[in-house]
Amino acid sequence: MRTVSTHEAKTNLSKLLARAEAGEEIVICRRGVPAARLVPLKKSRKRSRPKVGTVTSGPVDVSSDALEPMSETDLEQWGV
């Protein structure tokens, strides 16, 4: 674990971030007193966002008329 002053942290932030990403913990001190700790984030599994309206994890087939206007009968059944 490396200890740095606030001045050194401001001056070398990009380098310190790279070291933290590599797994190192860095303590930032103000006037010799530890004030903060720069630590690497845990890498989370990258999850894909679900597609709107899907309930399965795979692709969904959509009929060719899905975006066509609804008939008057259909609108009445939906209460529109």
PDB file of N, CA and C in Angstrom:
ATOM      1  N   MET A   1       0.854  -1.167   0.000  1.00  0.00           N
ATOM      2  CA  MET A   1       0.000   0.000   0.000  1.00  0.00           C
ATOM      3  C   MET A   1       0.901   1.231   0.000  1.00  0.00           C
ATOM      4  N   ARG A   2       0.640   2.118  -0.929  1.00  0.00           N
ATOM      5  CA  ARG A   2       1.437   3.328  -1.072  1.00  0.00           C
ATOM      6  C   ARG A   2       0.713   4.499  -0.426  1.00  0.00           C
ATOM      7  N   THR A   3       1.458   5.403   0.188  1.00  0.00           N
ATOM      8  CA  THR A   3       0.893   6.601   0.796  1.00  0.00           C
ATOM      9  C   THR A   3       1.402   7.822   0.040  1.00  0.00           C
ATOM     10  N   VAL A   4       0.480   8.724  -0.306  1.00  0.00           N
ATOM     11  CA  VAL A   4       0.850   9.936  -1.033  1.00  0.00           C
ATOM     12  C   VAL A   4       0.164  11.142  -0.393  1.00  0.00           C
ATOM     13  N   SER A   5       0.748  12.314  -0.597  1.00  0.00           N
ATOM     14  CA  SER A   5       0.138  13.551  -0.106  1.00  0.00           C
ATOM     15  C   SER A   5      -0.951  13.999  -1.082  1.00  0.00           C
ATOM     16  N   THR A   6      -1.780  14.932  -0.641  1.00  0.00           N
ATOM     17  CA  THR A   6      -2.824  15.438  -1.529  1.00  0.00           C
ATOM     18  C   THR A   6      -2.204  16.120  -2.745  1.00  0.00           C
ATOM     19  N   HIS A   7      -1.092  16.827  -2.551  1.00  0.00           N
ATOM     20  CA  HIS A   7      -0.425  17.490  -3.669  1.00  0.00           C
ATOM     21  C   HIS A   7       0.054  16.457  -4.690  1.00  0.00           C
ATOM     22  N   GLU A   8       0.691  15.399  -4.198  1.00  0.00           N
ATOM     23  CA  GLU A   8       1.172  14.353  -5.104  1.00  0.00           C
ATOM     24  C   GLU A   8      -0.004  13.661  -5.803  1.00  0.00           C
ATOM     25  N   ALA A   9      -1.109  13.474  -5.082  1.00  0.00           N
ATOM     26  CA  ALA A   9      -2.281  12.838  -5.681  1.00  0.00           C
ATOM     27  C   ALA A   9      -2.852  13.698  -6.806  1.00  0.00           C
ATOM     28  N   LYS A  10      -2.934  15.021  -6.578  1.00  0.00           N
ATOM     29  CA  LYS A  10      -3.452  15.914  -7.616  1.00  0.00           C
ATOM     30  C   LYS A  10      -2.516  15.941  -8.823  1.00  0.00           C
ATOM     31  N   THR A  11      -1.215  15.960  -8.557  1.00  0.00           N
ATOM     32  CA  THR A  11      -0.230  16.054  -9.629  1.00  0.00           C
ATOM     33  C   THR A  11      -0.166  14.775 -10.468  1.00  0.00           C
ATOM     34  N   ASN A  12      -0.354  13.626  -9.827  1.00  0.00           N
ATOM     35  CA  ASN A  12      -0.158  12.336 -10.500  1.00  0.00           C
ATOM     36  C   ASN A  12      -1.411  11.471 -10.522  1.00  0.00           C
ATOM     37  N   LEU A  13      -2.576  12.091 -10.586  1.00  0.00           N
ATOM     38  CA  LEU A  13      -3.816  11.330 -10.489  1.00  0.00           C
ATOM     39  C   LEU A  13      -3.924  10.236 -11.554  1.00  0.00           C
ATOM     40  N   SER A  14      -3.595  10.531 -12.783  1.00  0.00           N
ATOM     41  CA  SER A  14      -3.703   9.521 -13.849  1.00  0.00           C
ATOM     42  C   SER A  14      -2.815   8.321 -13.564  1.00  0.00           C
ATOM     43  N   LYS A  15      -1.599   8.580 -13.100  1.00  0.00           N
ATOM     44  CA  LYS A  15      -0.679   7.480 -12.775  1.00  0.00           C
ATOM     45  C   LYS A  15      -1.199   6.671 -11.589  1.00  0.00           C
ATOM     46  N   LEU A  16      -1.739   7.367 -10.581  1.00  0.00           N
ATOM     47  CA  LEU A  16      -2.263   6.666  -9.412  1.00  0.00           C
ATOM     48  C   LEU A  16      -3.490   5.831  -9.772  1.00  0.00           C
ATOM     49  N   LEU A  17      -4.329   6.346 -10.664  1.00  0.00           N
ATOM     50  CA  LEU A  17      -5.480   5.573 -11.126  1.00  0.00           C
ATOM     51  C   LEU A  17      -5.040   4.307 -11.850  1.00  0.00           C
ATOM     52  N   ALA A  18      -4.015   4.426 -12.660  1.00  0.00           N
ATOM     53  CA  ALA A  18      -3.494   3.251 -13.377  1.00  0.00           C
ATOM     54  C   ALA A  18      -2.981   2.210 -12.389  1.00  0.00           C
ATOM     55  N   ARG A  19      -2.310   2.668 -11.333  1.00  0.00           N
ATOM     56  CA  ARG A  19      -1.794   1.735 -10.328  1.00  0.00           C
ATOM     57  C   ARG A  19      -2.945   1.074  -9.574  1.00  0.00           C
ATOM     58  N   ALA A  20      -3.987   1.850  -9.277  1.00  0.00           N
ATOM     59  CA  ALA A  20      -5.150   1.282  -8.598  1.00  0.00           C
ATOM     60  C   ALA A  20      -5.850   0.259  -9.495  1.00  0.00           C
ATOM     61  N   GLU A  21      -5.973   0.576 -10.768  1.00  0.00           N
ATOM     62  CA  GLU A  21      -6.585  -0.376 -11.704  1.00  0.00           C
ATOM     63  C   GLU A  21      -5.787  -1.671 -11.778  1.00  0.00           C
ATOM     64  N   ALA A  22      -4.475  -1.567 -11.549  1.00  0.00           N
ATOM     65  CA  ALA A  22      -3.609  -2.745 -11.578  1.00  0.00           C
ATOM     66  C   ALA A  22      -3.688  -3.531 -10.265  1.00  0.00           C
ATOM     67  N   GLY A  23      -4.450  -3.013  -9.283  1.00  0.00           N
ATOM     68  CA  GLY A  23      -4.651  -3.764  -8.054  1.00  0.00           C
ATOM     69  C   GLY A  23      -4.036  -3.160  -6.809  1.00  0.00           C
ATOM     70  N   GLU A  24      -3.325  -2.066  -6.929  1.00  0.00           N
ATOM     71  CA  GLU A  24      -2.660  -1.457  -5.781  1.00  0.00           C
ATOM     72  C   GLU A  24      -3.614  -0.534  -5.014  1.00  0.00           C
ATOM     73  N   GLU A  25      -3.470  -0.518  -3.690  1.00  0.00           N
ATOM     74  CA  GLU A  25      -4.228   0.419  -2.863  1.00  0.00           C
ATOM     75  C   GLU A  25      -3.342   1.606  -2.542  1.00  0.00           C
ATOM     76  N   ILE A  26      -3.906   2.807  -2.641  1.00  0.00           N
ATOM     77  CA  ILE A  26      -3.145   4.029  -2.395  1.00  0.00           C
ATOM     78  C   ILE A  26      -3.884   4.850  -1.349  1.00  0.00           C
ATOM     79  N   VAL A  27      -3.162   5.251  -0.290  1.00  0.00           N
ATOM     80  CA  VAL A  27      -3.751   6.081   0.755  1.00  0.00           C
ATOM     81  C   VAL A  27      -3.325   7.519   0.497  1.00  0.00           C
ATOM     82  N   ILE A  28      -4.306   8.427   0.491  1.00  0.00           N
ATOM     83  CA  ILE A  28      -4.031   9.848   0.273  1.00  0.00           C
ATOM     84  C   ILE A  28      -4.109  10.538   1.638  1.00  0.00           C
ATOM     85  N   CYS A  29      -3.018  11.236   1.977  1.00  0.00           N
ATOM     86  CA  CYS A  29      -2.921  11.889   3.284  1.00  0.00           C
ATOM     87  C   CYS A  29      -2.993  13.405   3.156  1.00  0.00           C
ATOM     88  N   ARG A  30      -3.630  14.011   4.146  1.00  0.00           N
ATOM     89  CA  ARG A  30      -3.660  15.463   4.249  1.00  0.00           C
ATOM     90  C   ARG A  30      -2.889  15.818   5.522  1.00  0.00           C
ATOM     91  N   ARG A  31      -1.788  16.552   5.326  1.00  0.00           N
ATOM     92  CA  ARG A  31      -0.910  16.919   6.439  1.00  0.00           C
ATOM     93  C   ARG A  31      -0.458  15.711   7.241  1.00  0.00           C
ATOM     94  N   GLY A  32      -0.165  14.626   6.527  1.00  0.00           N
ATOM     95  CA  GLY A  32       0.349  13.417   7.164  1.00  0.00           C
ATOM     96  C   GLY A  32      -0.700  12.506   7.772  1.00  0.00           C
ATOM     97  N   VAL A  33      -1.961  12.907   7.709  1.00  0.00           N
ATOM     98  CA  VAL A  33      -3.044  12.102   8.282  1.00  0.00           C
ATOM     99  C   VAL A  33      -3.833  11.461   7.138  1.00  0.00           C
ATOM    100  N   PRO A  34      -3.990  10.131   7.161  1.00  0.00           N
ATOM    101  CA  PRO A  34      -4.747   9.473   6.094  1.00  0.00           C
ATOM    102  C   PRO A  34      -6.163  10.059   5.981  1.00  0.00           C
ATOM    103  N   ALA A  35      -6.548  10.425   4.746  1.00  0.00           N
ATOM    104  CA  ALA A  35      -7.845  11.042   4.506  1.00  0.00           C
ATOM    105  C   ALA A  35      -8.719  10.208   3.574  1.00  0.00           C
ATOM    106  N   ALA A  36      -8.096   9.471   2.663  1.00  0.00           N
ATOM    107  CA  ALA A  36      -8.871   8.697   1.686  1.00  0.00           C
ATOM    108  C   ALA A  36      -8.032   7.529   1.198  1.00  0.00           C
ATOM    109  N   ARG A  37      -8.728   6.571   0.621  1.00  0.00           N
ATOM    110  CA  ARG A  37      -8.039   5.404   0.073  1.00  0.00           C
ATOM    111  C   ARG A  37      -8.508   5.197  -1.357  1.00  0.00           C
ATOM    112  N   LEU A  38      -7.575   5.069  -2.270  1.00  0.00           N
ATOM    113  CA  LEU A  38      -7.860   4.806  -3.675  1.00  0.00           C
ATOM    114  C   LEU A  38      -7.658   3.312  -3.884  1.00  0.00           C
ATOM    115  N   VAL A  39      -8.751   2.616  -4.207  1.00  0.00           N
ATOM    116  CA  VAL A  39      -8.702   1.158  -4.350  1.00  0.00           C
ATOM    117  C   VAL A  39      -9.281   0.746  -5.693  1.00  0.00           C
ATOM    118  N   PRO A  40      -8.870  -0.400  -6.198  1.00  0.00           N
ATOM    119  CA  PRO A  40      -9.443  -0.871  -7.463  1.00  0.00           C
ATOM    120  C   PRO A  40     -10.883  -1.322  -7.252  1.00  0.00           C
ATOM    121  N   LEU A  41     -11.710  -1.079  -8.241  1.00  0.00           N
ATOM    122  CA  LEU A  41     -13.082  -1.569  -8.207  1.00  0.00           C
ATOM    123  C   LEU A  41     -13.089  -3.034  -8.583  1.00  0.00           C
ATOM    124  N   LYS A  42     -14.024  -3.768  -7.993  1.00  0.00           N
ATOM    125  CA  LYS A  42     -14.180  -5.164  -8.384  1.00  0.00           C
ATOM    126  C   LYS A  42     -14.768  -5.183  -9.780  1.00  0.00           C
ATOM    127  N   LYS A  43     -14.217  -6.016 -10.606  1.00  0.00           N
ATOM    128  CA  LYS A  43     -14.752  -6.123 -11.968  1.00  0.00           C
ATOM    129  C   LYS A  43     -16.019  -6.944 -11.921  1.00  0.00           C
ATOM    130  N   SER A  44     -17.089  -6.351 -12.395  1.00  0.00           N
ATOM    131  CA  SER A  44     -18.368  -7.062 -12.414  1.00  0.00           C
ATOM    132  C   SER A  44     -18.555  -7.708 -13.776  1.00  0.00           C
ATOM    133  N   ARG A  45     -19.400  -8.722 -13.751  1.00  0.00           N
ATOM    134  CA  ARG A  45     -19.720  -9.350 -15.035  1.00  0.00           C
ATOM    135  C   ARG A  45     -20.473  -8.342 -15.874  1.00  0.00           C
ATOM    136  N   LYS A  46     -20.083  -8.229 -17.110  1.00  0.00           N
ATOM    137  CA  LYS A  46     -20.783  -7.309 -17.994  1.00  0.00           C
ATOM    138  C   LYS A  46     -22.044  -8.007 -18.477  1.00  0.00           C
ATOM    139  N   ARG A  47     -23.178  -7.453 -18.074  1.00  0.00           N
ATOM    140  CA  ARG A  47     -24.451  -8.036 -18.460  1.00  0.00           C
ATOM    141  C   ARG A  47     -25.056  -7.205 -19.570  1.00  0.00           C
ATOM    142  N   SER A  48     -25.602  -7.889 -20.525  1.00  0.00           N
ATOM    143  CA  SER A  48     -26.266  -7.153 -21.593  1.00  0.00           C
ATOM    144  C   SER A  48     -27.638  -6.730 -21.092  1.00  0.00           C
ATOM    145  N   ARG A  49     -28.062  -5.583 -21.533  1.00  0.00           N
ATOM    146  CA  ARG A  49     -29.371  -5.076 -21.126  1.00  0.00           C
ATOM    147  C   ARG A  49     -30.451  -5.841 -21.862  1.00  0.00           C
ATOM    148  N   PRO A  50     -31.534  -6.188 -21.190  1.00  0.00           N
ATOM    149  CA  PRO A  50     -32.614  -6.906 -21.873  1.00  0.00           C
ATOM    150  C   PRO A  50     -33.290  -6.013 -22.898  1.00  0.00           C
ATOM    151  N   LYS A  51     -33.744  -6.629 -23.961  1.00  0.00           N
ATOM    152  CA  LYS A  51     -34.472  -5.889 -24.982  1.00  0.00           C
ATOM    153  C   LYS A  51     -35.866  -5.591 -24.453  1.00  0.00           C
ATOM    154  N   VAL A  52     -36.370  -4.453 -24.790  1.00  0.00           N
ATOM    155  CA  VAL A  52     -37.683  -4.041 -24.314  1.00  0.00           C
ATOM    156  C   VAL A  52     -38.738  -5.038 -24.770  1.00  0.00           C
ATOM    157  N   GLY A  53     -39.556  -5.489 -23.832  1.00  0.00           N
ATOM    158  CA  GLY A  53     -40.653  -6.379 -24.158  1.00  0.00           C
ATOM    159  C   GLY A  53     -40.298  -7.844 -24.226  1.00  0.00           C
ATOM    160  N   THR A  54     -39.067  -8.218 -23.953  1.00  0.00           N
ATOM    161  CA  THR A  54     -38.694  -9.623 -24.015  1.00  0.00           C
ATOM    162  C   THR A  54     -38.786 -10.252 -22.642  1.00  0.00           C
ATOM    163  N   VAL A  55     -39.130 -11.510 -22.618  1.00  0.00           N
ATOM    164  CA  VAL A  55     -39.160 -12.262 -21.373  1.00  0.00           C
ATOM    165  C   VAL A  55     -38.200 -13.439 -21.440  1.00  0.00           C
ATOM    166  N   THR A  56     -37.530 -13.579 -22.546  1.00  0.00           N
ATOM    167  CA  THR A  56     -36.563 -14.645 -22.709  1.00  0.00           C
ATOM    168  C   THR A  56     -35.193 -14.034 -22.925  1.00  0.00           C
ATOM    169  N   SER A  57     -34.178 -14.863 -22.814  1.00  0.00           N
ATOM    170  CA  SER A  57     -32.836 -14.343 -23.002  1.00  0.00           C
ATOM    171  C   SER A  57     -32.423 -14.329 -24.474  1.00  0.00           C
ATOM    172  N   GLY A  58     -33.214 -14.937 -25.327  1.00  0.00           N
ATOM    173  CA  GLY A  58     -32.880 -14.990 -26.740  1.00  0.00           C
ATOM    174  C   GLY A  58     -33.686 -14.003 -27.563  1.00  0.00           C
ATOM    175  N   PRO A  59     -33.470 -13.998 -28.876  1.00  0.00           N
ATOM    176  CA  PRO A  59     -34.208 -13.082 -29.752  1.00  0.00           C
ATOM    177  C   PRO A  59     -35.686 -13.468 -29.815  1.00  0.00           C
ATOM    178  N   VAL A  60     -36.499 -12.494 -30.124  1.00  0.00           N
ATOM    179  CA  VAL A  60     -37.948 -12.693 -30.207  1.00  0.00           C
ATOM    180  C   VAL A  60     -38.390 -12.427 -31.633  1.00  0.00           C
ATOM    181  N   ASP A  61     -39.208 -13.318 -32.165  1.00  0.00           N
ATOM    182  CA  ASP A  61     -39.752 -13.114 -33.512  1.00  0.00           C
ATOM    183  C   ASP A  61     -40.932 -12.152 -33.426  1.00  0.00           C
ATOM    184  N   VAL A  62     -40.945 -11.176 -34.319  1.00  0.00           N
ATOM    185  CA  VAL A  62     -42.023 -10.197 -34.369  1.00  0.00           C
ATOM    186  C   VAL A  62     -42.667 -10.306 -35.740  1.00  0.00           C
ATOM    187  N   SER A  63     -43.992 -10.371 -35.740  1.00  0.00           N
ATOM    188  CA  SER A  63     -44.681 -10.503 -37.027  1.00  0.00           C
ATOM    189  C   SER A  63     -44.507  -9.235 -37.846  1.00  0.00           C
ATOM    190  N   SER A  64     -44.635  -9.365 -39.144  1.00  0.00           N
ATOM    191  CA  SER A  64     -44.401  -8.236 -40.048  1.00  0.00           C
ATOM    192  C   SER A  64     -45.434  -7.127 -39.877  1.00  0.00           C
ATOM    193  N   ASP A  65     -46.619  -7.441 -39.333  1.00  0.00           N
ATOM    194  CA  ASP A  65     -47.648  -6.422 -39.171  1.00  0.00           C
ATOM    195  C   ASP A  65     -47.669  -5.833 -37.749  1.00  0.00           C
ATOM    196  N   ALA A  66     -46.660  -6.070 -36.979  1.00  0.00           N
ATOM    197  CA  ALA A  66     -46.638  -5.624 -35.579  1.00  0.00           C
ATOM    198  C   ALA A  66     -46.705  -4.104 -35.448  1.00  0.00           C
ATOM    199  N   LEU A  67     -46.186  -3.381 -36.408  1.00  0.00           N
ATOM    200  CA  LEU A  67     -46.175  -1.928 -36.321  1.00  0.00           C
ATOM    201  C   LEU A  67     -47.287  -1.263 -37.131  1.00  0.00           C
ATOM    202  N   GLU A  68     -48.175  -2.072 -37.671  1.00  0.00           N
ATOM    203  CA  GLU A  68     -49.310  -1.540 -38.429  1.00  0.00           C
ATOM    204  C   GLU A  68     -50.354  -0.988 -37.463  1.00  0.00           C
ATOM    205  N   PRO A  69     -51.144  -0.005 -37.907  1.00  0.00           N
ATOM    206  CA  PRO A  69     -52.213   0.530 -37.048  1.00  0.00           C
ATOM    207  C   PRO A  69     -53.209  -0.566 -36.683  1.00  0.00           C
ATOM    208  N   MET A  70     -53.781  -0.468 -35.471  1.00  0.00           N
ATOM    209  CA  MET A  70     -54.778  -1.446 -35.027  1.00  0.00           C
ATOM    210  C   MET A  70     -56.124  -1.152 -35.685  1.00  0.00           C
ATOM    211  N   SER A  71     -56.889  -2.219 -35.896  1.00  0.00           N
ATOM    212  CA  SER A  71     -58.227  -2.050 -36.467  1.00  0.00           C
ATOM    213  C   SER A  71     -59.154  -1.479 -35.393  1.00  0.00           C
ATOM    214  N   GLU A  72     -60.328  -0.990 -35.829  1.00  0.00           N
ATOM    215  CA  GLU A  72     -61.304  -0.442 -34.875  1.00  0.00           C
ATOM    216  C   GLU A  72     -61.722  -1.502 -33.859  1.00  0.00           C
ATOM    217  N   THR A  73     -61.881  -2.750 -34.326  1.00  0.00           N
ATOM    218  CA  THR A  73     -62.262  -3.840 -33.427  1.00  0.00           C
ATOM    219  C   THR A  73     -61.191  -4.069 -32.367  1.00  0.00           C
ATOM    220  N   ASP A  74     -59.939  -4.097 -32.798  1.00  0.00           N
ATOM    221  CA  ASP A  74     -58.834  -4.272 -31.846  1.00  0.00           C
ATOM    222  C   ASP A  74     -58.779  -3.134 -30.843  1.00  0.00           C
ATOM    223  N   LEU A  75     -58.980  -1.905 -31.307  1.00  0.00           N
ATOM    224  CA  LEU A  75     -58.951  -0.752 -30.411  1.00  0.00           C
ATOM    225  C   LEU A  75     -60.056  -0.847 -29.373  1.00  0.00           C
ATOM    226  N   GLU A  76     -61.238  -1.312 -29.794  1.00  0.00           N
ATOM    227  CA  GLU A  76     -62.351  -1.465 -28.865  1.00  0.00           C
ATOM    228  C   GLU A  76     -62.040  -2.534 -27.818  1.00  0.00           C
ATOM    229  N   GLN A  77     -61.415  -3.642 -28.259  1.00  0.00           N
ATOM    230  CA  GLN A  77     -61.072  -4.704 -27.321  1.00  0.00           C
ATOM    231  C   GLN A  77     -60.049  -4.233 -26.293  1.00  0.00           C
ATOM    232  N   TRP A  78     -59.159  -3.334 -26.692  1.00  0.00           N
ATOM    233  CA  TRP A  78     -58.155  -2.787 -25.771  1.00  0.00           C
ATOM    234  C   TRP A  78     -58.712  -1.638 -24.945  1.00  0.00           C
ATOM    235  N   GLY A  79     -59.915  -1.216 -25.247  1.00  0.00           N
ATOM    236  CA  GLY A  79     -60.546  -0.139 -24.486  1.00  0.00           C
ATOM    237  C   GLY A  79     -59.999   1.230 -24.822  1.00  0.00           C
ATOM    238  N   VAL A  80     -59.542   1.383 -26.067  1.00  0.00           N
ATOM    239  CA  VAL A  80     -58.978   2.675 -26.477  1.00  0.00           C
ATOM    240  C   VAL A  80     -60.021   3.499 -27.189  1.00  0.00           C
TER     241      VAL A  80
END
